[in-house]
Amino acid sequence: MKKFILILIVATSIVSCDRERDDDDTHTKVGFYMNGSSTESVRYNLYMDGIFVGKIREVGSEPACGDSSLLYITIDSKKHQMEVKDDAGKLLNAEYLQIGSSKCGSGSGKNSHKVDGAHGSSMSKKTGDDCATMGFTR
Protein backbone atom coordinates (compact mmCIF):
# COMPACT_ATOMS: atom_id res chain seq x y z
CA MET A 1 0.00 0.00 0.00
CA LYS A 2 2.84 2.42 0.86
CA LYS A 3 4.47 1.62 -2.47
CA PHE A 4 1.23 2.45 -4.32
CA ILE A 5 0.87 5.81 -2.51
CA LEU A 6 4.49 6.71 -3.30
CA ILE A 7 3.96 5.91 -6.99
CA LEU A 8 0.78 8.00 -7.00
CA ILE A 9 2.59 10.99 -5.45
CA VAL A 10 5.45 10.78 -7.96
CA ALA A 11 3.04 10.45 -10.90
CA THR A 12 1.02 13.44 -9.68
CA SER A 13 4.11 15.62 -9.37
CA ILE A 14 5.27 14.70 -12.89
CA VAL A 15 1.87 15.62 -14.33
CA SER A 16 1.95 18.83 -12.29
CA CYS A 17 5.35 19.81 -13.74
CA ASP A 18 4.16 19.13 -17.29
CA ARG A 19 1.04 21.20 -16.69
CA GLU A 20 3.14 24.13 -15.50
CA ARG A 21 5.21 24.00 -18.70
CA ASP A 22 2.06 23.83 -20.85
CA ASP A 23 0.54 26.81 -19.02
CA ASP A 24 3.59 29.06 -19.58
CA ASP A 25 1.96 32.11 -21.16
CA THR A 26 5.23 33.64 -22.34
CA HIS A 27 5.00 35.30 -25.75
CA THR A 28 8.15 36.51 -27.50
CA LYS A 29 8.54 38.61 -30.63
CA VAL A 30 11.20 36.97 -32.84
CA GLY A 31 12.83 38.42 -35.96
CA PHE A 32 13.84 35.78 -38.51
CA TYR A 33 16.49 35.95 -41.26
CA MET A 34 18.83 33.77 -43.34
CA ASN A 35 22.59 34.07 -42.86
CA GLY A 36 24.42 34.64 -46.12
CA SER A 37 26.33 37.02 -48.31
CA SER A 38 24.22 37.15 -51.44
CA THR A 39 24.27 40.49 -53.21
CA GLU A 40 20.88 39.68 -54.70
CA SER A 41 17.67 40.34 -52.84
CA VAL A 42 17.05 36.64 -52.09
CA ARG A 43 14.04 35.65 -50.01
CA TYR A 44 13.22 32.26 -48.56
CA ASN A 45 9.94 30.75 -47.39
CA LEU A 46 9.63 30.26 -43.63
CA TYR A 47 7.28 27.62 -42.23
CA MET A 48 6.37 27.23 -38.56
CA ASP A 49 4.78 23.94 -37.53
CA GLY A 50 4.12 23.19 -41.22
CA ILE A 51 2.35 26.50 -41.95
CA PHE A 52 3.81 29.19 -44.24
CA VAL A 53 4.38 32.34 -42.16
CA GLY A 54 6.27 34.59 -44.58
CA LYS A 55 9.46 35.33 -46.49
CA ILE A 56 12.83 35.93 -44.85
CA ARG A 57 15.78 37.82 -46.31
CA GLU A 58 19.38 36.78 -46.59
CA VAL A 59 21.67 39.14 -44.66
CA GLY A 60 25.45 39.36 -44.39
CA SER A 61 25.74 39.95 -40.63
CA GLU A 62 23.63 39.44 -37.52
CA PRO A 63 20.97 42.15 -37.45
CA ALA A 64 19.88 43.89 -34.26
CA CYS A 65 16.48 43.45 -32.69
CA GLY A 66 14.19 45.98 -34.34
CA ASP A 67 15.88 45.78 -37.76
CA SER A 68 13.16 46.43 -40.35
CA SER A 69 14.53 43.78 -42.74
CA LEU A 70 13.54 40.93 -40.40
CA LEU A 71 10.30 38.96 -40.49
CA TYR A 72 8.77 39.33 -37.02
CA ILE A 73 6.46 36.73 -35.51
CA THR A 74 5.25 36.58 -31.91
CA ILE A 75 5.47 32.99 -30.67
CA ASP A 76 4.26 31.27 -27.53
CA SER A 77 6.39 29.10 -25.24
CA LYS A 78 5.67 25.81 -27.03
CA LYS A 79 8.32 24.01 -29.07
CA HIS A 80 7.92 25.10 -32.70
CA GLN A 81 9.29 23.29 -35.74
CA MET A 82 10.80 25.81 -38.16
CA GLU A 83 11.63 25.08 -41.80
CA VAL A 84 13.19 27.23 -44.52
CA LYS A 85 12.53 26.35 -48.15
CA ASP A 86 13.41 27.93 -51.48
CA ASP A 87 10.73 28.84 -54.03
CA ALA A 88 11.05 25.38 -55.62
CA GLY A 89 10.14 23.78 -52.26
CA LYS A 90 13.62 22.43 -51.51
CA LEU A 91 14.17 22.12 -47.74
CA LEU A 92 17.21 24.26 -46.81
CA ASN A 93 16.97 24.20 -43.03
CA ALA A 94 14.95 22.44 -40.32
CA GLU A 95 15.25 23.64 -36.73
CA TYR A 96 13.15 23.92 -33.61
CA LEU A 97 12.67 27.00 -31.45
CA GLN A 98 11.29 27.27 -27.94
CA ILE A 99 11.30 30.37 -25.73
CA GLY A 100 9.67 30.21 -22.30
CA SER A 101 9.82 32.14 -19.07
CA SER A 102 12.60 29.99 -17.62
CA LYS A 103 14.32 28.48 -20.66
CA CYS A 104 14.93 28.92 -24.34
CA GLY A 105 16.45 26.70 -26.94
CA SER A 106 16.91 25.97 -30.60
CA GLY A 107 18.46 23.11 -32.49
CA SER A 108 17.98 20.46 -35.15
CA GLY A 109 14.33 20.03 -36.01
CA LYS A 110 12.51 16.78 -36.65
CA ASN A 111 13.03 17.05 -40.43
CA SER A 112 16.75 17.92 -40.24
CA HIS A 113 17.66 14.55 -41.76
CA LYS A 114 15.91 15.66 -44.98
CA VAL A 115 18.19 18.68 -45.46
CA ASP A 116 21.10 18.26 -47.88
CA GLY A 117 24.43 19.50 -46.54
CA ALA A 118 25.26 21.37 -43.36
CA HIS A 119 22.74 23.69 -41.77
CA GLY A 120 22.16 25.30 -38.41
CA SER A 121 20.82 28.36 -36.67
CA SER A 122 21.67 31.01 -34.13
CA MET A 123 19.16 32.46 -31.71
CA SER A 124 19.87 35.58 -29.69
CA LYS A 125 17.93 37.54 -27.10
CA LYS A 126 19.97 40.28 -25.48
CA THR A 127 19.08 41.71 -22.07
CA GLY A 128 16.94 44.79 -22.50
CA ASP A 129 15.79 43.95 -26.03
CA ASP A 130 12.06 43.61 -26.57
CA CYS A 131 12.57 40.79 -29.08
CA ALA A 132 14.84 37.93 -30.08
CA THR A 133 16.48 37.18 -33.42
CA MET A 134 16.95 33.83 -35.14
CA GLY A 135 19.20 33.33 -38.15
CA PHE A 136 19.24 30.20 -40.27
CA THR A 137 22.32 28.91 -42.11
CA ARG A 138 22.62 26.45 -44.95
C-alpha atoms as a PDB file:
ATOM      1  CA  MET A   1       0.000   0.000   0.000  1.00  0.00           C
ATOM      2  CA  LYS A   2       2.836   2.417   0.864  1.00  0.00           C
ATOM      3  CA  LYS A   3       4.469   1.618  -2.468  1.00  0.00           C
ATOM      4  CA  PHE A   4       1.227   2.453  -4.319  1.00  0.00           C
ATOM      5  CA  ILE A   5       0.873   5.807  -2.508  1.00  0.00           C
ATOM      6  CA  LEU A   6       4.492   6.708  -3.300  1.00  0.00           C
ATOM      7  CA  ILE A   7       3.957   5.912  -6.986  1.00  0.00           C
ATOM      8  CA  LEU A   8       0.781   7.998  -7.002  1.00  0.00           C
ATOM      9  CA  ILE A   9       2.590  10.989  -5.452  1.00  0.00           C
ATOM     10  CA  VAL A  10       5.449  10.776  -7.959  1.00  0.00           C
ATOM     11  CA  ALA A  11       3.040  10.451 -10.899  1.00  0.00           C
ATOM     12  CA  THR A  12       1.019  13.443  -9.684  1.00  0.00           C
ATOM     13  CA  SER A  13       4.113  15.622  -9.366  1.00  0.00           C
ATOM     14  CA  ILE A  14       5.266  14.697 -12.893  1.00  0.00           C
ATOM     15  CA  VAL A  15       1.866  15.620 -14.331  1.00  0.00           C
ATOM     16  CA  SER A  16       1.946  18.832 -12.292  1.00  0.00           C
ATOM     17  CA  CYS A  17       5.346  19.806 -13.738  1.00  0.00           C
ATOM     18  CA  ASP A  18       4.159  19.125 -17.287  1.00  0.00           C
ATOM     19  CA  ARG A  19       1.037  21.196 -16.693  1.00  0.00           C
ATOM     20  CA  GLU A  20       3.136  24.125 -15.504  1.00  0.00           C
ATOM     21  CA  ARG A  21       5.206  24.001 -18.697  1.00  0.00           C
ATOM     22  CA  ASP A  22       2.062  23.834 -20.846  1.00  0.00           C
ATOM     23  CA  ASP A  23       0.539  26.808 -19.018  1.00  0.00           C
ATOM     24  CA  ASP A  24       3.593  29.058 -19.577  1.00  0.00           C
ATOM     25  CA  ASP A  25       1.955  32.113 -21.163  1.00  0.00           C
ATOM     26  CA  THR A  26       5.232  33.642 -22.336  1.00  0.00           C
ATOM     27  CA  HIS A  27       5.000  35.302 -25.749  1.00  0.00           C
ATOM     28  CA  THR A  28       8.147  36.508 -27.497  1.00  0.00           C
ATOM     29  CA  LYS A  29       8.538  38.608 -30.628  1.00  0.00           C
ATOM     30  CA  VAL A  30      11.196  36.969 -32.840  1.00  0.00           C
ATOM     31  CA  GLY A  31      12.834  38.421 -35.959  1.00  0.00           C
ATOM     32  CA  PHE A  32      13.843  35.775 -38.511  1.00  0.00           C
ATOM     33  CA  TYR A  33      16.486  35.946 -41.259  1.00  0.00           C
ATOM     34  CA  MET A  34      18.832  33.773 -43.339  1.00  0.00           C
ATOM     35  CA  ASN A  35      22.593  34.073 -42.858  1.00  0.00           C
ATOM     36  CA  GLY A  36      24.419  34.635 -46.119  1.00  0.00           C
ATOM     37  CA  SER A  37      26.326  37.018 -48.305  1.00  0.00           C
ATOM     38  CA  SER A  38      24.216  37.147 -51.436  1.00  0.00           C
ATOM     39  CA  THR A  39      24.273  40.488 -53.213  1.00  0.00           C
ATOM     40  CA  GLU A  40      20.879  39.684 -54.698  1.00  0.00           C
ATOM     41  CA  SER A  41      17.667  40.342 -52.840  1.00  0.00           C
ATOM     42  CA  VAL A  42      17.051  36.637 -52.092  1.00  0.00           C
ATOM     43  CA  ARG A  43      14.039  35.655 -50.009  1.00  0.00           C
ATOM     44  CA  TYR A  44      13.220  32.257 -48.564  1.00  0.00           C
ATOM     45  CA  ASN A  45       9.945  30.747 -47.395  1.00  0.00           C
ATOM     46  CA  LEU A  46       9.627  30.264 -43.633  1.00  0.00           C
ATOM     47  CA  TYR A  47       7.282  27.623 -42.228  1.00  0.00           C
ATOM     48  CA  MET A  48       6.372  27.229 -38.563  1.00  0.00           C
ATOM     49  CA  ASP A  49       4.782  23.937 -37.531  1.00  0.00           C
ATOM     50  CA  GLY A  50       4.118  23.192 -41.218  1.00  0.00           C
ATOM     51  CA  ILE A  51       2.348  26.496 -41.948  1.00  0.00           C
ATOM     52  CA  PHE A  52       3.805  29.187 -44.242  1.00  0.00           C
ATOM     53  CA  VAL A  53       4.383  32.343 -42.160  1.00  0.00           C
ATOM     54  CA  GLY A  54       6.269  34.593 -44.578  1.00  0.00           C
ATOM     55  CA  LYS A  55       9.456  35.333 -46.492  1.00  0.00           C
ATOM     56  CA  ILE A  56      12.826  35.932 -44.850  1.00  0.00           C
ATOM     57  CA  ARG A  57      15.783  37.820 -46.308  1.00  0.00           C
ATOM     58  CA  GLU A  58      19.381  36.779 -46.592  1.00  0.00           C
ATOM     59  CA  VAL A  59      21.673  39.143 -44.659  1.00  0.00           C
ATOM     60  CA  GLY A  60      25.454  39.365 -44.389  1.00  0.00           C
ATOM     61  CA  SER A  61      25.737  39.955 -40.630  1.00  0.00           C
ATOM     62  CA  GLU A  62      23.630  39.437 -37.518  1.00  0.00           C
ATOM     63  CA  PRO A  63      20.970  42.155 -37.450  1.00  0.00           C
ATOM     64  CA  ALA A  64      19.877  43.886 -34.265  1.00  0.00           C
ATOM     65  CA  CYS A  65      16.485  43.452 -32.690  1.00  0.00           C
ATOM     66  CA  GLY A  66      14.187  45.980 -34.335  1.00  0.00           C
ATOM     67  CA  ASP A  67      15.882  45.779 -37.760  1.00  0.00           C
ATOM     68  CA  SER A  68      13.157  46.428 -40.352  1.00  0.00           C
ATOM     69  CA  SER A  69      14.526  43.782 -42.742  1.00  0.00           C
ATOM     70  CA  LEU A  70      13.542  40.930 -40.400  1.00  0.00           C
ATOM     71  CA  LEU A  71      10.300  38.963 -40.490  1.00  0.00           C
ATOM     72  CA  TYR A  72       8.767  39.333 -37.016  1.00  0.00           C
ATOM     73  CA  ILE A  73       6.464  36.729 -35.510  1.00  0.00           C
ATOM     74  CA  THR A  74       5.250  36.578 -31.909  1.00  0.00           C
ATOM     75  CA  ILE A  75       5.475  32.991 -30.667  1.00  0.00           C
ATOM     76  CA  ASP A  76       4.255  31.267 -27.533  1.00  0.00           C
ATOM     77  CA  SER A  77       6.393  29.098 -25.241  1.00  0.00           C
ATOM     78  CA  LYS A  78       5.665  25.807 -27.025  1.00  0.00           C
ATOM     79  CA  LYS A  79       8.317  24.015 -29.072  1.00  0.00           C
ATOM     80  CA  HIS A  80       7.921  25.103 -32.696  1.00  0.00           C
ATOM     81  CA  GLN A  81       9.288  23.294 -35.745  1.00  0.00           C
ATOM     82  CA  MET A  82      10.802  25.812 -38.164  1.00  0.00           C
ATOM     83  CA  GLU A  83      11.632  25.082 -41.802  1.00  0.00           C
ATOM     84  CA  VAL A  84      13.191  27.228 -44.516  1.00  0.00           C
ATOM     85  CA  LYS A  85      12.533  26.347 -48.154  1.00  0.00           C
ATOM     86  CA  ASP A  86      13.409  27.935 -51.476  1.00  0.00           C
ATOM     87  CA  ASP A  87      10.730  28.839 -54.029  1.00  0.00           C
ATOM     88  CA  ALA A  88      11.050  25.379 -55.622  1.00  0.00           C
ATOM     89  CA  GLY A  89      10.144  23.782 -52.262  1.00  0.00           C
ATOM     90  CA  LYS A  90      13.625  22.432 -51.514  1.00  0.00           C
ATOM     91  CA  LEU A  91      14.173  22.121 -47.741  1.00  0.00           C
ATOM     92  CA  LEU A  92      17.213  24.259 -46.814  1.00  0.00           C
ATOM     93  CA  ASN A  93      16.968  24.197 -43.026  1.00  0.00           C
ATOM     94  CA  ALA A  94      14.951  22.440 -40.320  1.00  0.00           C
ATOM     95  CA  GLU A  95      15.253  23.645 -36.731  1.00  0.00           C
ATOM     96  CA  TYR A  96      13.148  23.923 -33.608  1.00  0.00           C
ATOM     97  CA  LEU A  97      12.670  27.001 -31.451  1.00  0.00           C
ATOM     98  CA  GLN A  98      11.290  27.272 -27.936  1.00  0.00           C
ATOM     99  CA  ILE A  99      11.304  30.369 -25.728  1.00  0.00           C
ATOM    100  CA  GLY A 100       9.670  30.206 -22.299  1.00  0.00           C
ATOM    101  CA  SER A 101       9.823  32.139 -19.067  1.00  0.00           C
ATOM    102  CA  SER A 102      12.597  29.990 -17.623  1.00  0.00           C
ATOM    103  CA  LYS A 103      14.320  28.477 -20.656  1.00  0.00           C
ATOM    104  CA  CYS A 104      14.925  28.925 -24.343  1.00  0.00           C
ATOM    105  CA  GLY A 105      16.452  26.700 -26.938  1.00  0.00           C
ATOM    106  CA  SER A 106      16.912  25.967 -30.600  1.00  0.00           C
ATOM    107  CA  GLY A 107      18.465  23.108 -32.490  1.00  0.00           C
ATOM    108  CA  SER A 108      17.981  20.465 -35.149  1.00  0.00           C
ATOM    109  CA  GLY A 109      14.332  20.027 -36.013  1.00  0.00           C
ATOM    110  CA  LYS A 110      12.514  16.784 -36.649  1.00  0.00           C
ATOM    111  CA  ASN A 111      13.033  17.055 -40.431  1.00  0.00           C
ATOM    112  CA  SER A 112      16.746  17.920 -40.240  1.00  0.00           C
ATOM    113  CA  HIS A 113      17.656  14.552 -41.761  1.00  0.00           C
ATOM    114  CA  LYS A 114      15.913  15.657 -44.983  1.00  0.00           C
ATOM    115  CA  VAL A 115      18.194  18.684 -45.460  1.00  0.00           C
ATOM    116  CA  ASP A 116      21.104  18.255 -47.880  1.00  0.00           C
ATOM    117  CA  GLY A 117      24.434  19.499 -46.537  1.00  0.00           C
ATOM    118  CA  ALA A 118      25.265  21.369 -43.356  1.00  0.00           C
ATOM    119  CA  HIS A 119      22.744  23.689 -41.774  1.00  0.00           C
ATOM    120  CA  GLY A 120      22.159  25.305 -38.411  1.00  0.00           C
ATOM    121  CA  SER A 121      20.823  28.356 -36.670  1.00  0.00           C
ATOM    122  CA  SER A 122      21.674  31.012 -34.134  1.00  0.00           C
ATOM    123  CA  MET A 123      19.164  32.457 -31.711  1.00  0.00           C
ATOM    124  CA  SER A 124      19.872  35.585 -29.695  1.00  0.00           C
ATOM    125  CA  LYS A 125      17.931  37.544 -27.095  1.00  0.00           C
ATOM    126  CA  LYS A 126      19.967  40.282 -25.481  1.00  0.00           C
ATOM    127  CA  THR A 127      19.078  41.706 -22.074  1.00  0.00           C
ATOM    128  CA  GLY A 128      16.939  44.793 -22.495  1.00  0.00           C
ATOM    129  CA  ASP A 129      15.787  43.949 -26.032  1.00  0.00           C
ATOM    130  CA  ASP A 130      12.062  43.613 -26.573  1.00  0.00           C
ATOM    131  CA  CYS A 131      12.566  40.795 -29.075  1.00  0.00           C
ATOM    132  CA  ALA A 132      14.839  37.931 -30.078  1.00  0.00           C
ATOM    133  CA  THR A 133      16.478  37.180 -33.421  1.00  0.00           C
ATOM    134  CA  MET A 134      16.954  33.835 -35.142  1.00  0.00           C
ATOM    135  CA  GLY A 135      19.197  33.331 -38.150  1.00  0.00           C
ATOM    136  CA  PHE A 136      19.241  30.197 -40.269  1.00  0.00           C
ATOM    137  CA  THR A 137      22.322  28.911 -42.105  1.00  0.00           C
ATOM    138  CA  ARG A 138      22.617  26.453 -44.953  1.00  0.00           C
END
